Amino acid sequence: MYSDGEGIEKISPFDILPRIITATEWSIIERGIKQRVKALNIFLADVYDDQFIIKDGKIPAALILSCPNFMKEMVGVDVSHGIYTHISGIDPMGDSDGNFYLLEDNLRTPLVFRT
């Protein structure tokens, strides 16, 4: 945050006071996060295997195949336990009515080099 050498104070992207989440609220958030990660993993499994989402015309092939993060070398690769999404950063947020929404998600997958 301060490593750019400009000497200008910058706003921290985090609130210094944590939000208290009740067990009931957390139960809702947890179910939503699990559902989201499962859906993302199913999507990736399809994209890198049968590609039904492309064949059925739900997503244009060019949208997937032109993505710089799409690894054509992984098509048809049998991944361990069928899991593509190993690390997921899911950012929920609450609104003033007590509902929770997904602000964004970030997926990370390990890259393994074998000789």
N, C-alpha and C. Protein backbone atom coordinates (compact mmCIF):
# COMPACT_ATOMS: atom_id res chain seq x y z
N MET A 1 0.81 -1.18 0.00
CA MET A 1 0.00 0.00 0.00
C MET A 1 0.86 1.26 0.00
N TYR A 2 2.01 1.21 0.67
CA TYR A 2 2.87 2.38 0.73
C TYR A 2 4.19 2.16 0.00
N SER A 3 4.30 1.10 -0.77
CA SER A 3 5.58 0.74 -1.38
C SER A 3 5.86 1.47 -2.69
N ASP A 4 4.94 2.28 -3.19
CA ASP A 4 5.18 2.93 -4.48
C ASP A 4 6.12 4.13 -4.37
N GLY A 5 6.49 4.52 -3.16
CA GLY A 5 7.46 5.59 -2.98
C GLY A 5 6.91 6.99 -3.13
N GLU A 6 5.63 7.13 -3.38
CA GLU A 6 5.05 8.45 -3.55
C GLU A 6 4.86 9.18 -2.23
N GLY A 7 4.82 8.46 -1.12
CA GLY A 7 4.63 9.07 0.17
C GLY A 7 3.23 9.59 0.39
N ILE A 8 2.30 9.14 -0.42
CA ILE A 8 0.91 9.59 -0.29
C ILE A 8 0.13 8.53 0.47
N GLU A 9 -0.57 8.97 1.50
CA GLU A 9 -1.39 8.03 2.26
C GLU A 9 -2.56 7.58 1.39
N LYS A 10 -2.83 6.29 1.42
CA LYS A 10 -3.92 5.74 0.64
C LYS A 10 -4.95 5.11 1.56
N ILE A 11 -6.17 5.08 1.12
CA ILE A 11 -7.24 4.50 1.91
C ILE A 11 -7.11 2.98 1.90
N SER A 12 -7.18 2.39 3.06
CA SER A 12 -7.16 0.94 3.18
C SER A 12 -8.47 0.38 2.67
N PRO A 13 -8.43 -0.70 1.88
CA PRO A 13 -9.68 -1.26 1.34
C PRO A 13 -10.48 -2.06 2.37
N PHE A 14 -10.04 -2.11 3.61
CA PHE A 14 -10.71 -2.91 4.63
C PHE A 14 -11.25 -2.03 5.74
N ASP A 15 -12.38 -2.44 6.27
CA ASP A 15 -12.95 -1.74 7.41
C ASP A 15 -12.21 -2.22 8.65
N ILE A 16 -11.78 -1.30 9.50
CA ILE A 16 -11.02 -1.71 10.69
C ILE A 16 -11.92 -2.35 11.75
N LEU A 17 -13.22 -2.14 11.65
CA LEU A 17 -14.16 -2.77 12.57
C LEU A 17 -14.85 -3.93 11.86
N PRO A 18 -14.63 -5.14 12.34
CA PRO A 18 -15.25 -6.29 11.65
C PRO A 18 -16.75 -6.30 11.84
N ARG A 19 -17.44 -6.82 10.86
CA ARG A 19 -18.89 -6.97 10.96
C ARG A 19 -19.19 -8.25 11.72
N ILE A 20 -20.07 -8.16 12.66
CA ILE A 20 -20.48 -9.34 13.42
C ILE A 20 -21.59 -10.04 12.64
N ILE A 21 -21.39 -11.31 12.36
CA ILE A 21 -22.36 -12.11 11.62
C ILE A 21 -22.92 -13.17 12.56
N THR A 22 -24.22 -13.23 12.65
CA THR A 22 -24.86 -14.22 13.52
C THR A 22 -24.72 -15.61 12.91
N ALA A 23 -24.95 -16.62 13.72
CA ALA A 23 -24.90 -18.00 13.23
C ALA A 23 -25.94 -18.22 12.14
N THR A 24 -27.10 -17.62 12.28
CA THR A 24 -28.16 -17.75 11.27
C THR A 24 -27.71 -17.11 9.95
N GLU A 25 -27.15 -15.91 10.05
CA GLU A 25 -26.65 -15.24 8.84
C GLU A 25 -25.54 -16.06 8.19
N TRP A 26 -24.63 -16.56 9.01
CA TRP A 26 -23.51 -17.34 8.47
C TRP A 26 -24.01 -18.59 7.77
N SER A 27 -25.03 -19.23 8.32
CA SER A 27 -25.60 -20.43 7.71
C SER A 27 -26.08 -20.13 6.29
N ILE A 28 -26.73 -18.99 6.11
CA ILE A 28 -27.20 -18.57 4.78
C ILE A 28 -26.03 -18.31 3.85
N ILE A 29 -25.05 -17.56 4.35
CA ILE A 29 -23.86 -17.23 3.54
C ILE A 29 -23.12 -18.51 3.16
N GLU A 30 -22.93 -19.40 4.12
CA GLU A 30 -22.20 -20.65 3.88
C GLU A 30 -22.88 -21.49 2.80
N ARG A 31 -24.19 -21.63 2.89
CA ARG A 31 -24.93 -22.40 1.86
C ARG A 31 -24.75 -21.77 0.48
N GLY A 32 -24.82 -20.45 0.43
CA GLY A 32 -24.65 -19.75 -0.85
C GLY A 32 -23.25 -19.91 -1.42
N ILE A 33 -22.24 -19.82 -0.56
CA ILE A 33 -20.86 -19.98 -1.02
C ILE A 33 -20.63 -21.39 -1.53
N LYS A 34 -21.11 -22.38 -0.79
CA LYS A 34 -20.95 -23.77 -1.23
C LYS A 34 -21.64 -24.01 -2.57
N GLN A 35 -22.83 -23.46 -2.72
CA GLN A 35 -23.57 -23.59 -3.98
C GLN A 35 -22.80 -22.93 -5.12
N ARG A 36 -22.26 -21.74 -4.88
CA ARG A 36 -21.53 -20.99 -5.91
C ARG A 36 -20.28 -21.74 -6.34
N VAL A 37 -19.49 -22.22 -5.38
CA VAL A 37 -18.25 -22.94 -5.71
C VAL A 37 -18.57 -24.24 -6.45
N LYS A 38 -19.63 -24.93 -6.04
CA LYS A 38 -20.03 -26.16 -6.74
C LYS A 38 -20.41 -25.84 -8.18
N ALA A 39 -21.20 -24.78 -8.37
CA ALA A 39 -21.62 -24.40 -9.73
C ALA A 39 -20.42 -24.02 -10.59
N LEU A 40 -19.48 -23.27 -10.04
CA LEU A 40 -18.29 -22.88 -10.80
C LEU A 40 -17.46 -24.10 -11.17
N ASN A 41 -17.34 -25.05 -10.25
CA ASN A 41 -16.57 -26.26 -10.53
C ASN A 41 -17.25 -27.10 -11.61
N ILE A 42 -18.57 -27.20 -11.56
CA ILE A 42 -19.32 -27.95 -12.58
C ILE A 42 -19.15 -27.29 -13.95
N PHE A 43 -19.19 -25.96 -13.97
CA PHE A 43 -18.97 -25.22 -15.21
C PHE A 43 -17.59 -25.52 -15.78
N LEU A 44 -16.56 -25.44 -14.96
CA LEU A 44 -15.19 -25.71 -15.44
C LEU A 44 -15.03 -27.16 -15.88
N ALA A 45 -15.64 -28.09 -15.14
CA ALA A 45 -15.58 -29.50 -15.53
C ALA A 45 -16.18 -29.70 -16.91
N ASP A 46 -17.28 -29.02 -17.19
CA ASP A 46 -17.91 -29.13 -18.50
C ASP A 46 -17.04 -28.49 -19.59
N VAL A 47 -16.53 -27.31 -19.32
CA VAL A 47 -15.71 -26.59 -20.31
C VAL A 47 -14.47 -27.40 -20.68
N TYR A 48 -13.90 -28.10 -19.70
CA TYR A 48 -12.69 -28.86 -19.97
C TYR A 48 -12.94 -30.33 -20.27
N ASP A 49 -14.21 -30.71 -20.44
CA ASP A 49 -14.50 -32.11 -20.78
C ASP A 49 -15.51 -32.18 -21.93
N ASP A 50 -16.76 -32.37 -21.64
CA ASP A 50 -17.77 -32.59 -22.69
C ASP A 50 -18.17 -31.32 -23.45
N GLN A 51 -18.02 -30.18 -22.84
CA GLN A 51 -18.36 -28.88 -23.43
C GLN A 51 -19.82 -28.81 -23.89
N PHE A 52 -20.72 -29.38 -23.07
CA PHE A 52 -22.15 -29.32 -23.39
C PHE A 52 -22.64 -27.87 -23.43
N ILE A 53 -22.09 -27.03 -22.58
CA ILE A 53 -22.53 -25.63 -22.53
C ILE A 53 -22.28 -24.92 -23.86
N ILE A 54 -21.24 -25.35 -24.57
CA ILE A 54 -20.93 -24.81 -25.90
C ILE A 54 -21.79 -25.51 -26.95
N LYS A 55 -21.83 -26.84 -26.90
CA LYS A 55 -22.59 -27.62 -27.88
C LYS A 55 -24.08 -27.29 -27.86
N ASP A 56 -24.60 -27.00 -26.67
CA ASP A 56 -26.02 -26.66 -26.54
C ASP A 56 -26.31 -25.20 -26.84
N GLY A 57 -25.28 -24.43 -27.21
CA GLY A 57 -25.46 -23.04 -27.59
C GLY A 57 -25.72 -22.09 -26.43
N LYS A 58 -25.43 -22.49 -25.21
CA LYS A 58 -25.66 -21.63 -24.05
C LYS A 58 -24.61 -20.52 -23.95
N ILE A 59 -23.39 -20.86 -24.35
CA ILE A 59 -22.29 -19.89 -24.38
C ILE A 59 -21.57 -20.07 -25.71
N PRO A 60 -21.30 -18.99 -26.42
CA PRO A 60 -20.59 -19.13 -27.70
C PRO A 60 -19.17 -19.69 -27.48
N ALA A 61 -18.77 -20.60 -28.34
CA ALA A 61 -17.45 -21.21 -28.23
C ALA A 61 -16.35 -20.16 -28.21
N ALA A 62 -16.48 -19.12 -29.02
CA ALA A 62 -15.45 -18.08 -29.08
C ALA A 62 -15.24 -17.40 -27.74
N LEU A 63 -16.31 -17.27 -26.96
CA LEU A 63 -16.19 -16.63 -25.65
C LEU A 63 -15.28 -17.43 -24.73
N ILE A 64 -15.40 -18.74 -24.78
CA ILE A 64 -14.55 -19.61 -23.95
C ILE A 64 -13.16 -19.75 -24.56
N LEU A 65 -13.13 -20.12 -25.83
CA LEU A 65 -11.86 -20.47 -26.47
C LEU A 65 -10.92 -19.28 -26.65
N SER A 66 -11.47 -18.07 -26.69
CA SER A 66 -10.61 -16.89 -26.84
C SER A 66 -10.14 -16.32 -25.51
N CYS A 67 -10.64 -16.84 -24.42
CA CYS A 67 -10.26 -16.35 -23.10
C CYS A 67 -8.77 -16.66 -22.85
N PRO A 68 -7.99 -15.65 -22.45
CA PRO A 68 -6.56 -15.89 -22.22
C PRO A 68 -6.28 -16.88 -21.09
N ASN A 69 -7.25 -17.11 -20.21
CA ASN A 69 -7.04 -18.05 -19.11
C ASN A 69 -7.52 -19.47 -19.44
N PHE A 70 -8.14 -19.64 -20.61
CA PHE A 70 -8.56 -20.98 -21.03
C PHE A 70 -7.32 -21.75 -21.48
N MET A 71 -7.13 -22.93 -20.91
CA MET A 71 -5.96 -23.75 -21.25
C MET A 71 -6.42 -24.95 -22.07
N LYS A 72 -6.29 -24.83 -23.40
CA LYS A 72 -6.76 -25.92 -24.27
C LYS A 72 -6.04 -27.23 -23.97
N GLU A 73 -4.85 -27.14 -23.39
CA GLU A 73 -4.10 -28.35 -23.04
C GLU A 73 -4.80 -29.16 -21.94
N MET A 74 -5.71 -28.52 -21.22
CA MET A 74 -6.41 -29.20 -20.12
C MET A 74 -7.69 -29.90 -20.56
N VAL A 75 -8.11 -29.69 -21.80
CA VAL A 75 -9.33 -30.35 -22.29
C VAL A 75 -9.12 -31.86 -22.26
N GLY A 76 -10.02 -32.54 -21.57
CA GLY A 76 -9.96 -34.00 -21.49
C GLY A 76 -9.04 -34.54 -20.41
N VAL A 77 -8.37 -33.67 -19.68
CA VAL A 77 -7.48 -34.13 -18.60
C VAL A 77 -8.33 -34.52 -17.40
N ASP A 78 -8.07 -35.71 -16.87
CA ASP A 78 -8.79 -36.20 -15.69
C ASP A 78 -8.12 -35.61 -14.45
N VAL A 79 -8.77 -34.60 -13.85
CA VAL A 79 -8.18 -33.94 -12.68
C VAL A 79 -8.53 -34.72 -11.41
N SER A 80 -7.70 -34.57 -10.42
CA SER A 80 -7.86 -35.28 -9.15
C SER A 80 -9.21 -34.97 -8.51
N HIS A 81 -9.97 -36.00 -8.23
CA HIS A 81 -11.28 -35.92 -7.59
C HIS A 81 -12.27 -35.04 -8.37
N GLY A 82 -11.99 -34.75 -9.63
CA GLY A 82 -12.87 -33.92 -10.43
C GLY A 82 -12.95 -32.47 -9.98
N ILE A 83 -11.96 -32.01 -9.24
CA ILE A 83 -11.99 -30.66 -8.68
C ILE A 83 -11.09 -29.74 -9.51
N TYR A 84 -11.68 -28.71 -10.07
CA TYR A 84 -10.94 -27.70 -10.82
C TYR A 84 -10.68 -26.46 -9.96
N THR A 85 -11.62 -26.15 -9.09
CA THR A 85 -11.55 -24.94 -8.28
C THR A 85 -11.01 -25.29 -6.91
N HIS A 86 -9.72 -25.07 -6.71
CA HIS A 86 -9.08 -25.44 -5.44
C HIS A 86 -9.13 -24.32 -4.41
N ILE A 87 -9.04 -23.11 -4.87
CA ILE A 87 -9.06 -21.96 -3.97
C ILE A 87 -10.05 -20.95 -4.52
N SER A 88 -11.00 -20.56 -3.71
CA SER A 88 -12.02 -19.62 -4.16
C SER A 88 -12.14 -18.48 -3.15
N GLY A 89 -12.06 -17.28 -3.65
CA GLY A 89 -12.30 -16.10 -2.83
C GLY A 89 -13.68 -15.57 -3.17
N ILE A 90 -14.62 -15.78 -2.28
CA ILE A 90 -16.00 -15.38 -2.52
C ILE A 90 -16.30 -14.19 -1.60
N ASP A 91 -16.73 -13.10 -2.17
CA ASP A 91 -16.96 -11.87 -1.41
C ASP A 91 -18.45 -11.56 -1.30
N PRO A 92 -19.09 -12.01 -0.21
CA PRO A 92 -20.50 -11.66 -0.03
C PRO A 92 -20.62 -10.28 0.60
N MET A 93 -21.74 -9.64 0.36
CA MET A 93 -22.02 -8.37 1.03
C MET A 93 -23.48 -8.35 1.44
N GLY A 94 -23.77 -7.66 2.52
CA GLY A 94 -25.14 -7.55 2.99
C GLY A 94 -25.73 -6.21 2.62
N ASP A 95 -27.03 -6.20 2.36
CA ASP A 95 -27.68 -4.92 2.08
C ASP A 95 -28.45 -4.46 3.32
N SER A 96 -29.07 -3.31 3.23
CA SER A 96 -29.77 -2.74 4.38
C SER A 96 -31.02 -3.52 4.76
N ASP A 97 -31.51 -4.38 3.87
CA ASP A 97 -32.70 -5.19 4.16
C ASP A 97 -32.35 -6.54 4.77
N GLY A 98 -31.07 -6.80 4.98
CA GLY A 98 -30.64 -8.06 5.57
C GLY A 98 -30.39 -9.17 4.57
N ASN A 99 -30.47 -8.88 3.28
CA ASN A 99 -30.17 -9.88 2.25
C ASN A 99 -28.68 -9.88 1.96
N PHE A 100 -28.17 -11.00 1.50
CA PHE A 100 -26.76 -11.10 1.13
C PHE A 100 -26.64 -11.32 -0.37
N TYR A 101 -25.65 -10.69 -0.95
CA TYR A 101 -25.38 -10.80 -2.39
C TYR A 101 -23.92 -11.10 -2.60
N LEU A 102 -23.62 -11.73 -3.72
CA LEU A 102 -22.24 -12.02 -4.08
C LEU A 102 -21.66 -10.82 -4.80
N LEU A 103 -20.64 -10.23 -4.21
CA LEU A 103 -19.99 -9.07 -4.81
C LEU A 103 -19.08 -9.52 -5.96
N GLU A 104 -18.28 -10.53 -5.71
CA GLU A 104 -17.40 -11.09 -6.74
C GLU A 104 -16.85 -12.41 -6.26
N ASP A 105 -16.25 -13.14 -7.17
CA ASP A 105 -15.52 -14.34 -6.80
C ASP A 105 -14.24 -14.41 -7.62
N ASN A 106 -13.24 -15.00 -7.01
CA ASN A 106 -11.95 -15.18 -7.65
C ASN A 106 -11.53 -16.63 -7.46
N LEU A 107 -11.18 -17.27 -8.55
CA LEU A 107 -10.81 -18.68 -8.49
C LEU A 107 -9.32 -18.84 -8.74
N ARG A 108 -8.74 -19.77 -8.05
CA ARG A 108 -7.32 -20.08 -8.26
C ARG A 108 -7.20 -21.60 -8.35
N THR A 109 -6.39 -22.03 -9.27
CA THR A 109 -6.11 -23.44 -9.40
C THR A 109 -4.61 -23.64 -9.42
N PRO A 110 -4.14 -24.67 -8.76
CA PRO A 110 -2.69 -24.88 -8.75
C PRO A 110 -2.21 -25.37 -10.11
N LEU A 111 -1.04 -24.93 -10.48
CA LEU A 111 -0.41 -25.37 -11.72
C LEU A 111 0.71 -26.32 -11.35
N VAL A 112 0.64 -27.52 -11.83
CA VAL A 112 1.61 -28.55 -11.49
C VAL A 112 2.48 -28.84 -12.71
N PHE A 113 3.78 -28.77 -12.51
CA PHE A 113 4.71 -29.13 -13.57
C PHE A 113 5.29 -30.50 -13.25
N ARG A 114 5.20 -31.38 -14.20
CA ARG A 114 5.76 -32.72 -14.01
C ARG A 114 6.80 -32.96 -15.08
N THR A 115 7.85 -33.63 -14.68
CA THR A 115 8.92 -33.94 -15.65
C THR A 115 8.88 -35.39 -16.02
